[in-house]
Amino acid sequence: MPEPRFLLLSDVAAELNVSDSQVYHMVRSGELPAIKVGGRGQWRVERAKLEEYIAGKYAETAAWVRDNPLAEREAD
């Protein structure tokens, strides 16, 4: 059975190991693309968009690590 194209915010939270409210904030701020569906306007995140978001975070982290190297410990 193929993975679903769209995820609930709770599914995204589980994937990222963060709270539902953190994912809701990411969606509402535009950091993580999502759509509203149904009469109640429930949020859904496309799996491909989540994967793009994760890849972008890897790139941001790599750039931060590159620009902020660990300081060498002085020899005692």
N, C-alpha and C. Protein backbone atom coordinates (compact mmCIF):
# COMPACT_ATOMS: atom_id res chain seq x y z
N MET A 1 0.85 -1.19 0.00
CA MET A 1 0.00 0.00 0.00
C MET A 1 0.89 1.25 0.00
N PRO A 2 0.69 2.14 -0.95
CA PRO A 2 1.54 3.33 -1.03
C PRO A 2 1.26 4.29 0.13
N GLU A 3 2.26 5.11 0.44
CA GLU A 3 2.09 6.11 1.49
C GLU A 3 1.11 7.17 1.00
N PRO A 4 0.33 7.75 1.92
CA PRO A 4 -0.62 8.78 1.50
C PRO A 4 0.10 10.03 1.01
N ARG A 5 -0.50 10.71 0.05
CA ARG A 5 0.08 11.93 -0.50
C ARG A 5 0.05 13.06 0.52
N PHE A 6 -1.05 13.15 1.28
CA PHE A 6 -1.22 14.23 2.23
C PHE A 6 -1.20 13.71 3.66
N LEU A 7 -0.61 14.49 4.55
CA LEU A 7 -0.46 14.12 5.96
C LEU A 7 -1.24 15.08 6.85
N LEU A 8 -1.76 14.55 7.93
CA LEU A 8 -2.34 15.39 8.98
C LEU A 8 -1.20 16.11 9.69
N LEU A 9 -1.51 17.22 10.34
CA LEU A 9 -0.47 17.92 11.09
C LEU A 9 0.10 17.02 12.18
N SER A 10 -0.73 16.17 12.77
CA SER A 10 -0.24 15.25 13.80
C SER A 10 0.73 14.24 13.21
N ASP A 11 0.51 13.83 11.96
CA ASP A 11 1.45 12.92 11.29
C ASP A 11 2.80 13.62 11.05
N VAL A 12 2.73 14.88 10.64
CA VAL A 12 3.95 15.65 10.41
C VAL A 12 4.70 15.81 11.73
N ALA A 13 3.97 16.10 12.80
CA ALA A 13 4.60 16.25 14.11
C ALA A 13 5.32 14.97 14.52
N ALA A 14 4.70 13.84 14.26
CA ALA A 14 5.32 12.56 14.59
C ALA A 14 6.57 12.33 13.75
N GLU A 15 6.51 12.67 12.47
CA GLU A 15 7.67 12.51 11.58
C GLU A 15 8.85 13.35 12.04
N LEU A 16 8.57 14.59 12.48
CA LEU A 16 9.62 15.50 12.88
C LEU A 16 9.96 15.41 14.37
N ASN A 17 9.19 14.62 15.10
CA ASN A 17 9.36 14.46 16.55
C ASN A 17 9.26 15.81 17.27
N VAL A 18 8.20 16.56 16.92
CA VAL A 18 7.89 17.83 17.55
C VAL A 18 6.40 17.81 17.93
N SER A 19 5.94 18.84 18.60
CA SER A 19 4.54 18.88 19.00
C SER A 19 3.63 19.30 17.84
N ASP A 20 2.35 18.96 17.98
CA ASP A 20 1.35 19.38 16.99
C ASP A 20 1.32 20.90 16.88
N SER A 21 1.43 21.59 18.03
CA SER A 21 1.36 23.05 18.02
C SER A 21 2.57 23.66 17.30
N GLN A 22 3.72 23.03 17.37
CA GLN A 22 4.88 23.52 16.64
C GLN A 22 4.64 23.41 15.13
N VAL A 23 4.07 22.30 14.70
CA VAL A 23 3.77 22.13 13.27
C VAL A 23 2.73 23.15 12.83
N TYR A 24 1.70 23.35 13.64
CA TYR A 24 0.66 24.33 13.31
C TYR A 24 1.31 25.72 13.13
N HIS A 25 2.22 26.08 14.02
CA HIS A 25 2.89 27.38 13.90
C HIS A 25 3.73 27.44 12.62
N MET A 26 4.42 26.36 12.28
CA MET A 26 5.23 26.32 11.06
C MET A 26 4.35 26.51 9.83
N VAL A 27 3.17 25.91 9.84
CA VAL A 27 2.24 26.03 8.72
C VAL A 27 1.67 27.45 8.66
N ARG A 28 1.20 27.96 9.79
CA ARG A 28 0.58 29.29 9.81
C ARG A 28 1.56 30.40 9.48
N SER A 29 2.85 30.21 9.81
CA SER A 29 3.86 31.22 9.52
C SER A 29 4.34 31.14 8.07
N GLY A 30 3.98 30.05 7.36
CA GLY A 30 4.41 29.88 5.98
C GLY A 30 5.73 29.14 5.85
N GLU A 31 6.32 28.76 6.97
CA GLU A 31 7.59 28.03 6.94
C GLU A 31 7.43 26.67 6.27
N LEU A 32 6.30 26.02 6.53
CA LEU A 32 6.01 24.71 5.96
C LEU A 32 4.74 24.83 5.11
N PRO A 33 4.84 24.63 3.79
CA PRO A 33 3.66 24.75 2.93
C PRO A 33 2.59 23.71 3.28
N ALA A 34 1.33 24.15 3.28
CA ALA A 34 0.21 23.27 3.56
C ALA A 34 -1.03 23.82 2.87
N ILE A 35 -2.07 23.00 2.84
CA ILE A 35 -3.35 23.43 2.28
C ILE A 35 -4.44 23.18 3.30
N LYS A 36 -5.55 23.92 3.15
CA LYS A 36 -6.74 23.70 3.97
C LYS A 36 -7.76 22.99 3.10
N VAL A 37 -8.35 21.93 3.63
CA VAL A 37 -9.33 21.16 2.87
C VAL A 37 -10.58 20.93 3.72
N GLY A 38 -11.67 20.66 3.05
CA GLY A 38 -12.91 20.32 3.73
C GLY A 38 -13.63 21.53 4.27
N GLY A 39 -14.87 21.28 4.72
CA GLY A 39 -15.72 22.34 5.24
C GLY A 39 -15.17 23.02 6.48
N ARG A 40 -14.42 22.29 7.28
CA ARG A 40 -13.84 22.86 8.50
C ARG A 40 -12.44 23.41 8.28
N GLY A 41 -11.96 23.30 7.05
CA GLY A 41 -10.64 23.85 6.75
C GLY A 41 -9.52 23.15 7.49
N GLN A 42 -9.51 21.84 7.44
CA GLN A 42 -8.46 21.08 8.11
C GLN A 42 -7.17 21.16 7.30
N TRP A 43 -6.06 21.30 7.99
CA TRP A 43 -4.76 21.44 7.34
C TRP A 43 -4.22 20.09 6.90
N ARG A 44 -3.57 20.10 5.72
CA ARG A 44 -2.88 18.92 5.21
C ARG A 44 -1.54 19.36 4.62
N VAL A 45 -0.53 18.54 4.83
CA VAL A 45 0.80 18.81 4.29
C VAL A 45 1.12 17.71 3.29
N GLU A 46 1.47 18.10 2.09
CA GLU A 46 1.83 17.12 1.07
C GLU A 46 3.17 16.50 1.44
N ARG A 47 3.25 15.18 1.34
CA ARG A 47 4.48 14.47 1.73
C ARG A 47 5.70 15.03 0.99
N ALA A 48 5.55 15.34 -0.29
CA ALA A 48 6.67 15.89 -1.07
C ALA A 48 7.14 17.23 -0.49
N LYS A 49 6.20 18.06 -0.04
CA LYS A 49 6.56 19.35 0.56
C LYS A 49 7.29 19.14 1.88
N LEU A 50 6.87 18.14 2.65
CA LEU A 50 7.56 17.82 3.90
C LEU A 50 8.99 17.38 3.61
N GLU A 51 9.17 16.54 2.60
CA GLU A 51 10.52 16.08 2.24
C GLU A 51 11.38 17.25 1.77
N GLU A 52 10.80 18.19 1.01
CA GLU A 52 11.53 19.38 0.59
C GLU A 52 11.92 20.23 1.80
N TYR A 53 11.00 20.35 2.74
CA TYR A 53 11.27 21.11 3.97
C TYR A 53 12.44 20.49 4.72
N ILE A 54 12.42 19.18 4.87
CA ILE A 54 13.49 18.48 5.59
C ILE A 54 14.82 18.67 4.86
N ALA A 55 14.84 18.54 3.54
CA ALA A 55 16.06 18.74 2.77
C ALA A 55 16.60 20.16 2.95
N GLY A 56 15.70 21.13 2.97
CA GLY A 56 16.10 22.52 3.19
C GLY A 56 16.71 22.72 4.56
N LYS A 57 16.16 22.06 5.56
CA LYS A 57 16.70 22.16 6.92
C LYS A 57 18.09 21.52 7.00
N TYR A 58 18.30 20.42 6.29
CA TYR A 58 19.64 19.83 6.23
C TYR A 58 20.63 20.83 5.62
N ALA A 59 20.24 21.49 4.54
CA ALA A 59 21.11 22.47 3.89
C ALA A 59 21.40 23.66 4.81
N GLU A 60 20.36 24.16 5.50
CA GLU A 60 20.55 25.27 6.44
C GLU A 60 21.50 24.86 7.56
N THR A 61 21.32 23.66 8.08
CA THR A 61 22.17 23.19 9.17
C THR A 61 23.62 23.03 8.71
N ALA A 62 23.82 22.48 7.51
CA ALA A 62 25.17 22.31 6.98
C ALA A 62 25.85 23.67 6.82
N ALA A 63 25.11 24.67 6.34
CA ALA A 63 25.68 26.01 6.19
C ALA A 63 26.02 26.61 7.54
N TRP A 64 25.16 26.41 8.52
CA TRP A 64 25.43 26.92 9.86
C TRP A 64 26.67 26.27 10.47
N VAL A 65 26.78 24.96 10.32
CA VAL A 65 27.95 24.23 10.84
C VAL A 65 29.23 24.73 10.16
N ARG A 66 29.15 24.93 8.86
CA ARG A 66 30.31 25.42 8.11
C ARG A 66 30.72 26.81 8.60
N ASP A 67 29.74 27.68 8.85
CA ASP A 67 30.02 29.06 9.24
C ASP A 67 30.31 29.22 10.74
N ASN A 68 30.08 28.18 11.52
CA ASN A 68 30.28 28.23 12.97
C ASN A 68 31.07 27.02 13.45
N PRO A 69 32.36 26.95 13.05
CA PRO A 69 33.13 25.77 13.42
C PRO A 69 33.34 25.68 14.93
N LEU A 70 33.52 24.46 15.39
CA LEU A 70 33.83 24.26 16.80
C LEU A 70 35.20 24.83 17.10
N ALA A 71 35.33 25.47 18.25
CA ALA A 71 36.64 25.99 18.66
C ALA A 71 37.48 24.81 19.15
N GLU A 72 38.73 24.82 18.77
CA GLU A 72 39.65 23.77 19.21
C GLU A 72 39.88 23.94 20.71
N ARG A 73 39.90 22.83 21.43
CA ARG A 73 40.19 22.89 22.86
C ARG A 73 41.70 23.09 23.05
N GLU A 74 42.03 23.95 23.98
CA GLU A 74 43.45 24.17 24.25
C GLU A 74 44.02 22.98 25.00
N ALA A 75 45.25 22.63 24.68
CA ALA A 75 45.91 21.51 25.35
C ALA A 75 46.21 21.91 26.79
N ASP A 76 45.97 20.97 27.71
CA ASP A 76 46.23 21.25 29.13
C ASP A 76 47.69 21.23 29.47
